[in-house]
């Protein structure tokens, strides 16, 4: 019981951190920068990373909320 509560808190904090970083990557990341990986621009790299972190953050937050409420 205590382990699921602790893990739920950890997942919720991790989810919130991922959502904050994804918001930064999607809104600000890569603007005004040159470079990239071959045909993908720096903005494209931040877009891919932001979407990936958004999904992981949402899943972590949902799992944490489930563990806290169960």
PDB file of N, CA and C in Angstrom:
ATOM      1  N   UNK A   1       0.820  -1.189   0.000  1.00  0.00           N
ATOM      2  CA  UNK A   1       0.000   0.000   0.000  1.00  0.00           C
ATOM      3  C   UNK A   1       0.871   1.262   0.000  1.00  0.00           C
ATOM      4  N   UNK A   2       1.882   1.316   0.867  1.00  0.00           N
ATOM      5  CA  UNK A   2       2.737   2.482   0.920  1.00  0.00           C
ATOM      6  C   UNK A   2       3.608   2.591  -0.324  1.00  0.00           C
ATOM      7  N   UNK A   3       3.981   1.445  -0.886  1.00  0.00           N
ATOM      8  CA  UNK A   3       4.817   1.475  -2.086  1.00  0.00           C
ATOM      9  C   UNK A   3       4.039   2.039  -3.272  1.00  0.00           C
ATOM     10  N   UNK A   4       2.760   1.693  -3.381  1.00  0.00           N
ATOM     11  CA  UNK A   4       1.982   2.219  -4.498  1.00  0.00           C
ATOM     12  C   UNK A   4       1.733   3.714  -4.333  1.00  0.00           C
ATOM     13  N   UNK A   5       1.595   4.184  -3.082  1.00  0.00           N
ATOM     14  CA  UNK A   5       1.428   5.613  -2.839  1.00  0.00           C
ATOM     15  C   UNK A   5       2.694   6.374  -3.224  1.00  0.00           C
ATOM     16  N   UNK A   6       3.840   5.855  -2.807  1.00  0.00           N
ATOM     17  CA  UNK A   6       5.113   6.505  -3.145  1.00  0.00           C
ATOM     18  C   UNK A   6       5.358   6.485  -4.650  1.00  0.00           C
ATOM     19  N   UNK A   7       5.066   5.361  -5.286  1.00  0.00           N
ATOM     20  CA  UNK A   7       5.266   5.266  -6.728  1.00  0.00           C
ATOM     21  C   UNK A   7       4.284   6.164  -7.475  1.00  0.00           C
ATOM     22  N   UNK A   8       3.068   6.307  -6.963  1.00  0.00           N
ATOM     23  CA  UNK A   8       2.087   7.212  -7.562  1.00  0.00           C
ATOM     24  C   UNK A   8       2.533   8.662  -7.492  1.00  0.00           C
ATOM     25  N   UNK A   9       3.101   9.056  -6.351  1.00  0.00           N
ATOM     26  CA  UNK A   9       3.619  10.421  -6.214  1.00  0.00           C
ATOM     27  C   UNK A   9       4.788  10.645  -7.167  1.00  0.00           C
ATOM     28  N   UNK A  10       5.682   9.668  -7.230  1.00  0.00           N
ATOM     29  CA  UNK A  10       6.834   9.776  -8.135  1.00  0.00           C
ATOM     30  C   UNK A  10       6.399   9.884  -9.595  1.00  0.00           C
ATOM     31  N   UNK A  11       5.447   9.066  -9.994  1.00  0.00           N
ATOM     32  CA  UNK A  11       4.968   9.126 -11.378  1.00  0.00           C
ATOM     33  C   UNK A  11       4.255  10.445 -11.663  1.00  0.00           C
ATOM     34  N   UNK A  12       3.518  10.961 -10.703  1.00  0.00           N
ATOM     35  CA  UNK A  12       2.823  12.234 -10.915  1.00  0.00           C
ATOM     36  C   UNK A  12       3.810  13.386 -11.072  1.00  0.00           C
ATOM     37  N   UNK A  13       4.839  13.410 -10.244  1.00  0.00           N
ATOM     38  CA  UNK A  13       5.852  14.464 -10.356  1.00  0.00           C
ATOM     39  C   UNK A  13       6.612  14.334 -11.667  1.00  0.00           C
ATOM     40  N   UNK A  14       6.945  13.102 -12.047  1.00  0.00           N
ATOM     41  CA  UNK A  14       7.624  12.870 -13.323  1.00  0.00           C
ATOM     42  C   UNK A  14       6.753  13.312 -14.497  1.00  0.00           C
ATOM     43  N   UNK A  15       5.468  13.010 -14.437  1.00  0.00           N
ATOM     44  CA  UNK A  15       4.552  13.421 -15.496  1.00  0.00           C
ATOM     45  C   UNK A  15       4.455  14.926 -15.638  1.00  0.00           C
ATOM     46  N   UNK A  16       4.383  15.628 -14.500  1.00  0.00           N
ATOM     47  CA  UNK A  16       4.322  17.088 -14.551  1.00  0.00           C
ATOM     48  C   UNK A  16       5.609  17.686 -15.107  1.00  0.00           C
ATOM     49  N   UNK A  17       6.749  17.108 -14.727  1.00  0.00           N
ATOM     50  CA  UNK A  17       8.029  17.600 -15.257  1.00  0.00           C
ATOM     51  C   UNK A  17       8.115  17.370 -16.760  1.00  0.00           C
ATOM     52  N   UNK A  18       7.694  16.210 -17.216  1.00  0.00           N
ATOM     53  CA  UNK A  18       7.717  15.924 -18.662  1.00  0.00           C
ATOM     54  C   UNK A  18       6.792  16.858 -19.425  1.00  0.00           C
ATOM     55  N   UNK A  19       5.629  17.150 -18.866  1.00  0.00           N
ATOM     56  CA  UNK A  19       4.709  18.064 -19.539  1.00  0.00           C
ATOM     57  C   UNK A  19       5.277  19.478 -19.607  1.00  0.00           C
ATOM     58  N   UNK A  20       5.987  19.903 -18.572  1.00  0.00           N
ATOM     59  CA  UNK A  20       6.610  21.230 -18.589  1.00  0.00           C
ATOM     60  C   UNK A  20       7.710  21.303 -19.645  1.00  0.00           C
ATOM     61  N   UNK A  21       8.564  20.286 -19.710  1.00  0.00           N
ATOM     62  CA  UNK A  21       9.628  20.275 -20.707  1.00  0.00           C
ATOM     63  C   UNK A  21       9.067  20.161 -22.120  1.00  0.00           C
ATOM     64  N   UNK A  22       7.986  19.411 -22.280  1.00  0.00           N
ATOM     65  CA  UNK A  22       7.412  19.284 -23.621  1.00  0.00           C
ATOM     66  C   UNK A  22       6.795  20.601 -24.070  1.00  0.00           C
ATOM     67  N   UNK A  23       6.177  21.336 -23.152  1.00  0.00           N
ATOM     68  CA  UNK A  23       5.621  22.641 -23.509  1.00  0.00           C
ATOM     69  C   UNK A  23       6.732  23.585 -23.965  1.00  0.00           C
ATOM     70  N   UNK A  24       7.868  23.560 -23.267  1.00  0.00           N
ATOM     71  CA  UNK A  24       8.995  24.399 -23.682  1.00  0.00           C
ATOM     72  C   UNK A  24       9.519  23.978 -25.046  1.00  0.00           C
ATOM     73  N   UNK A  25       9.671  22.670 -25.259  1.00  0.00           N
ATOM     74  CA  UNK A  25      10.213  22.186 -26.530  1.00  0.00           C
ATOM     75  C   UNK A  25       9.283  22.522 -27.692  1.00  0.00           C
ATOM     76  N   UNK A  26       7.977  22.438 -27.462  1.00  0.00           N
ATOM     77  CA  UNK A  26       7.037  22.717 -28.539  1.00  0.00           C
ATOM     78  C   UNK A  26       6.888  24.216 -28.809  1.00  0.00           C
ATOM     79  N   UNK A  27       6.950  25.027 -27.766  1.00  0.00           N
ATOM     80  CA  UNK A  27       6.710  26.452 -27.948  1.00  0.00           C
ATOM     81  C   UNK A  27       7.966  27.254 -28.268  1.00  0.00           C
ATOM     82  N   UNK A  28       9.096  26.897 -27.689  1.00  0.00           N
ATOM     83  CA  UNK A  28      10.288  27.716 -27.850  1.00  0.00           C
ATOM     84  C   UNK A  28      11.448  27.002 -28.523  1.00  0.00           C
ATOM     85  N   UNK A  29      11.558  25.708 -28.340  1.00  0.00           N
ATOM     86  CA  UNK A  29      12.730  24.962 -28.782  1.00  0.00           C
ATOM     87  C   UNK A  29      13.011  25.058 -30.270  1.00  0.00           C
ATOM     88  N   UNK A  30      14.263  25.340 -30.603  1.00  0.00           N
ATOM     89  CA  UNK A  30      14.707  25.348 -31.983  1.00  0.00           C
ATOM     90  C   UNK A  30      14.497  26.628 -32.745  1.00  0.00           C
ATOM     91  N   UNK A  31      13.815  27.602 -32.165  1.00  0.00           N
ATOM     92  CA  UNK A  31      13.584  28.864 -32.878  1.00  0.00           C
ATOM     93  C   UNK A  31      14.873  29.666 -32.918  1.00  0.00           C
ATOM     94  N   UNK A  32      15.220  30.141 -34.085  1.00  0.00           N
ATOM     95  CA  UNK A  32      16.401  30.964 -34.246  1.00  0.00           C
ATOM     96  C   UNK A  32      17.710  30.197 -34.227  1.00  0.00           C
ATOM     97  N   UNK A  33      17.651  28.880 -34.333  1.00  0.00           N
ATOM     98  CA  UNK A  33      18.864  28.076 -34.315  1.00  0.00           C
ATOM     99  C   UNK A  33      19.060  27.452 -35.690  1.00  0.00           C
ATOM    100  N   UNK A  34      20.301  27.276 -36.059  1.00  0.00           N
ATOM    101  CA  UNK A  34      20.619  26.631 -37.329  1.00  0.00           C
ATOM    102  C   UNK A  34      21.198  25.263 -37.036  1.00  0.00           C
ATOM    103  N   UNK A  35      21.158  24.425 -38.025  1.00  0.00           N
ATOM    104  CA  UNK A  35      21.721  23.089 -37.862  1.00  0.00           C
ATOM    105  C   UNK A  35      20.634  22.033 -37.890  1.00  0.00           C
ATOM    106  N   UNK A  36      20.978  20.873 -37.415  1.00  0.00           N
ATOM    107  CA  UNK A  36      20.032  19.782 -37.409  1.00  0.00           C
ATOM    108  C   UNK A  36      20.712  18.482 -37.770  1.00  0.00           C
ATOM    109  N   UNK A  37      19.909  17.486 -38.033  1.00  0.00           N
ATOM    110  CA  UNK A  37      20.416  16.167 -38.405  1.00  0.00           C
ATOM    111  C   UNK A  37      19.999  15.923 -39.850  1.00  0.00           C
ATOM    112  N   UNK A  38      20.880  16.171 -40.761  1.00  0.00           N
ATOM    113  CA  UNK A  38      20.572  15.937 -42.176  1.00  0.00           C
ATOM    114  C   UNK A  38      19.386  16.766 -42.631  1.00  0.00           C
ATOM    115  N   UNK A  39      18.334  16.106 -43.147  1.00  0.00           N
ATOM    116  CA  UNK A  39      17.193  16.854 -43.677  1.00  0.00           C
ATOM    117  C   UNK A  39      16.256  17.404 -42.596  1.00  0.00           C
ATOM    118  N   UNK A  40      16.438  16.982 -41.325  1.00  0.00           N
ATOM    119  CA  UNK A  40      15.558  17.449 -40.252  1.00  0.00           C
ATOM    120  C   UNK A  40      16.173  18.707 -39.620  1.00  0.00           C
ATOM    121  N   UNK A  41      15.401  19.784 -39.585  1.00  0.00           N
ATOM    122  CA  UNK A  41      15.898  21.042 -39.015  1.00  0.00           C
ATOM    123  C   UNK A  41      15.920  20.957 -37.497  1.00  0.00           C
ATOM    124  N   UNK A  42      16.534  21.949 -36.882  1.00  0.00           N
ATOM    125  CA  UNK A  42      16.587  22.007 -35.415  1.00  0.00           C
ATOM    126  C   UNK A  42      15.181  22.115 -34.828  1.00  0.00           C
ATOM    127  N   UNK A  43      14.314  22.883 -35.482  1.00  0.00           N
ATOM    128  CA  UNK A  43      12.921  23.017 -35.019  1.00  0.00           C
ATOM    129  C   UNK A  43      12.190  21.681 -35.134  1.00  0.00           C
ATOM    130  N   UNK A  44      12.470  20.927 -36.179  1.00  0.00           N
ATOM    131  CA  UNK A  44      11.849  19.612 -36.343  1.00  0.00           C
ATOM    132  C   UNK A  44      12.269  18.639 -35.266  1.00  0.00           C
ATOM    133  N   UNK A  45      13.528  18.713 -34.859  1.00  0.00           N
ATOM    134  CA  UNK A  45      14.023  17.846 -33.791  1.00  0.00           C
ATOM    135  C   UNK A  45      13.300  18.171 -32.490  1.00  0.00           C
ATOM    136  N   UNK A  46      13.131  19.472 -32.193  1.00  0.00           N
ATOM    137  CA  UNK A  46      12.431  19.865 -30.977  1.00  0.00           C
ATOM    138  C   UNK A  46      10.951  19.484 -31.045  1.00  0.00           C
ATOM    139  N   UNK A  47      10.366  19.526 -32.216  1.00  0.00           N
ATOM    140  CA  UNK A  47       8.972  19.132 -32.372  1.00  0.00           C
ATOM    141  C   UNK A  47       8.794  17.645 -32.074  1.00  0.00           C
ATOM    142  N   UNK A  48       9.668  16.814 -32.608  1.00  0.00           N
ATOM    143  CA  UNK A  48       9.604  15.373 -32.361  1.00  0.00           C
ATOM    144  C   UNK A  48       9.814  15.076 -30.876  1.00  0.00           C
ATOM    145  N   UNK A  49      10.818  15.723 -30.277  1.00  0.00           N
ATOM    146  CA  UNK A  49      11.098  15.499 -28.857  1.00  0.00           C
ATOM    147  C   UNK A  49       9.948  15.997 -27.987  1.00  0.00           C
ATOM    148  N   UNK A  50       9.360  17.123 -28.344  1.00  0.00           N
ATOM    149  CA  UNK A  50       8.247  17.665 -27.568  1.00  0.00           C
ATOM    150  C   UNK A  50       7.029  16.781 -27.599  1.00  0.00           C
ATOM    151  N   UNK A  51       6.711  16.232 -28.762  1.00  0.00           N
ATOM    152  CA  UNK A  51       5.564  15.328 -28.870  1.00  0.00           C
ATOM    153  C   UNK A  51       5.824  14.054 -28.090  1.00  0.00           C
ATOM    154  N   UNK A  52       7.043  13.521 -28.174  1.00  0.00           N
ATOM    155  CA  UNK A  52       7.380  12.305 -27.437  1.00  0.00           C
ATOM    156  C   UNK A  52       7.290  12.542 -25.931  1.00  0.00           C
ATOM    157  N   UNK A  53       7.791  13.674 -25.475  1.00  0.00           N
ATOM    158  CA  UNK A  53       7.729  13.970 -24.042  1.00  0.00           C
ATOM    159  C   UNK A  53       6.302  14.266 -23.592  1.00  0.00           C
ATOM    160  N   UNK A  54       5.488  14.824 -24.468  1.00  0.00           N
ATOM    161  CA  UNK A  54       4.091  15.071 -24.143  1.00  0.00           C
ATOM    162  C   UNK A  54       3.359  13.759 -23.908  1.00  0.00           C
ATOM    163  N   UNK A  55       3.594  12.777 -24.762  1.00  0.00           N
ATOM    164  CA  UNK A  55       2.953  11.467 -24.614  1.00  0.00           C
ATOM    165  C   UNK A  55       3.429  10.773 -23.344  1.00  0.00           C
ATOM    166  N   UNK A  56       4.738  10.769 -23.110  1.00  0.00           N
ATOM    167  CA  UNK A  56       5.286  10.116 -21.921  1.00  0.00           C
ATOM    168  C   UNK A  56       4.803  10.822 -20.651  1.00  0.00           C
ATOM    169  N   UNK A  57       4.756  12.140 -20.670  1.00  0.00           N
ATOM    170  CA  UNK A  57       4.278  12.889 -19.513  1.00  0.00           C
ATOM    171  C   UNK A  57       2.816  12.622 -19.209  1.00  0.00           C
ATOM    172  N   UNK A  58       1.993  12.570 -20.252  1.00  0.00           N
ATOM    173  CA  UNK A  58       0.569  12.294 -20.047  1.00  0.00           C
ATOM    174  C   UNK A  58       0.363  10.886 -19.500  1.00  0.00           C
ATOM    175  N   UNK A  59       1.098   9.917 -20.022  1.00  0.00           N
ATOM    176  CA  UNK A  59       0.976   8.541 -19.531  1.00  0.00           C
ATOM    177  C   UNK A  59       1.470   8.426 -18.087  1.00  0.00           C
ATOM    178  N   UNK A  60       2.560   9.091 -17.763  1.00  0.00           N
ATOM    179  CA  UNK A  60       3.089   9.045 -16.394  1.00  0.00           C
ATOM    180  C   UNK A  60       2.116   9.710 -15.415  1.00  0.00           C
ATOM    181  N   UNK A  61       1.554  10.829 -15.822  1.00  0.00           N
ATOM    182  CA  UNK A  61       0.589  11.517 -14.960  1.00  0.00           C
ATOM    183  C   UNK A  61      -0.671  10.682 -14.754  1.00  0.00           C
ATOM    184  N   UNK A  62      -1.138  10.042 -15.803  1.00  0.00           N
ATOM    185  CA  UNK A  62      -2.330   9.189 -15.684  1.00  0.00           C
ATOM    186  C   UNK A  62      -2.040   7.981 -14.801  1.00  0.00           C
ATOM    187  N   UNK A  63      -0.885   7.368 -14.967  1.00  0.00           N
ATOM    188  CA  UNK A  63      -0.531   6.217 -14.133  1.00  0.00           C
ATOM    189  C   UNK A  63      -0.366   6.634 -12.679  1.00  0.00           C
ATOM    190  N   UNK A  64       0.246   7.786 -12.440  1.00  0.00           N
ATOM    191  CA  UNK A  64       0.400   8.278 -11.079  1.00  0.00           C
ATOM    192  C   UNK A  64      -0.943   8.584 -10.427  1.00  0.00           C
ATOM    193  N   UNK A  65      -1.847   9.206 -11.175  1.00  0.00           N
ATOM    194  CA  UNK A  65      -3.178   9.492 -10.639  1.00  0.00           C
ATOM    195  C   UNK A  65      -3.941   8.201 -10.336  1.00  0.00           C
ATOM    196  N   UNK A  66      -3.788   7.218 -11.195  1.00  0.00           N
ATOM    197  CA  UNK A  66      -4.442   5.926 -10.962  1.00  0.00           C
ATOM    198  C   UNK A  66      -3.929   5.280  -9.670  1.00  0.00           C
ATOM    199  N   UNK A  67      -2.617   5.308  -9.476  1.00  0.00           N
ATOM    200  CA  UNK A  67      -2.054   4.706  -8.261  1.00  0.00           C
ATOM    201  C   UNK A  67      -2.443   5.491  -7.011  1.00  0.00           C
ATOM    202  N   UNK A  68      -2.559   6.805  -7.128  1.00  0.00           N
ATOM    203  CA  UNK A  68      -2.945   7.611  -5.973  1.00  0.00           C
ATOM    204  C   UNK A  68      -4.406   7.428  -5.601  1.00  0.00           C
ATOM    205  N   UNK A  69      -5.245   7.241  -6.605  1.00  0.00           N
ATOM    206  CA  UNK A  69      -6.684   7.132  -6.345  1.00  0.00           C
ATOM    207  C   UNK A  69      -7.147   5.709  -6.049  1.00  0.00           C
ATOM    208  N   UNK A  70      -6.291   4.726  -6.328  1.00  0.00           N
ATOM    209  CA  UNK A  70      -6.725   3.343  -6.091  1.00  0.00           C
ATOM    210  C   UNK A  70      -6.325   2.846  -4.716  1.00  0.00           C
TER     211      UNK A  70
END
